[in-house]
Amino acid sequence: MEAVDVLLVDDEVEALELYGKRLARRGIPARLARNAEEALAEVASRPPDVVVLDVRMPGMDGLTVLAEIKRRHPGVQVIMLTGHASVEAAVQGMELGAFDYLVKPVALEDLLQKILDAARAGRG
């Protein structure tokens, strides 16, 4: 499997750690961030290929984080995740430059494929 640098961002720590462990078992170790501030610090220190970003977080929400990531690092691909299927948020996320939008809970295979697709798009 190709090497992909992934950053997972979610304030739901159990879900964050679960996805991190499951991706690592598939050969994609992921960095983890529990909030917007941690995510932006990780991206600033070493921009990943792909960020998987929760839309709803306390404090700065995912759409704001997405806009900031794309402003500072336009080549980083961002996949938005939400537990709340909102067409409006999906459209806004895509307008801000998100690669795609997935509804939680997302099957690991679907997430993995989307991460690989996003990494290829960012390199291509």
Foldseek 3Di string as FASTA:
>chain_A
DDAFEEEEEALPVVVQVVLQVVVVVVVHHYHYHNDLVRVVVVCVVPNTQEYEAEQDDPDDGRLNSLLVCCVVPVLRAYEYEYQDDDPVVQVSSVVSPHPYYYYPPDDSVVVVVSSVVSSVVSVD
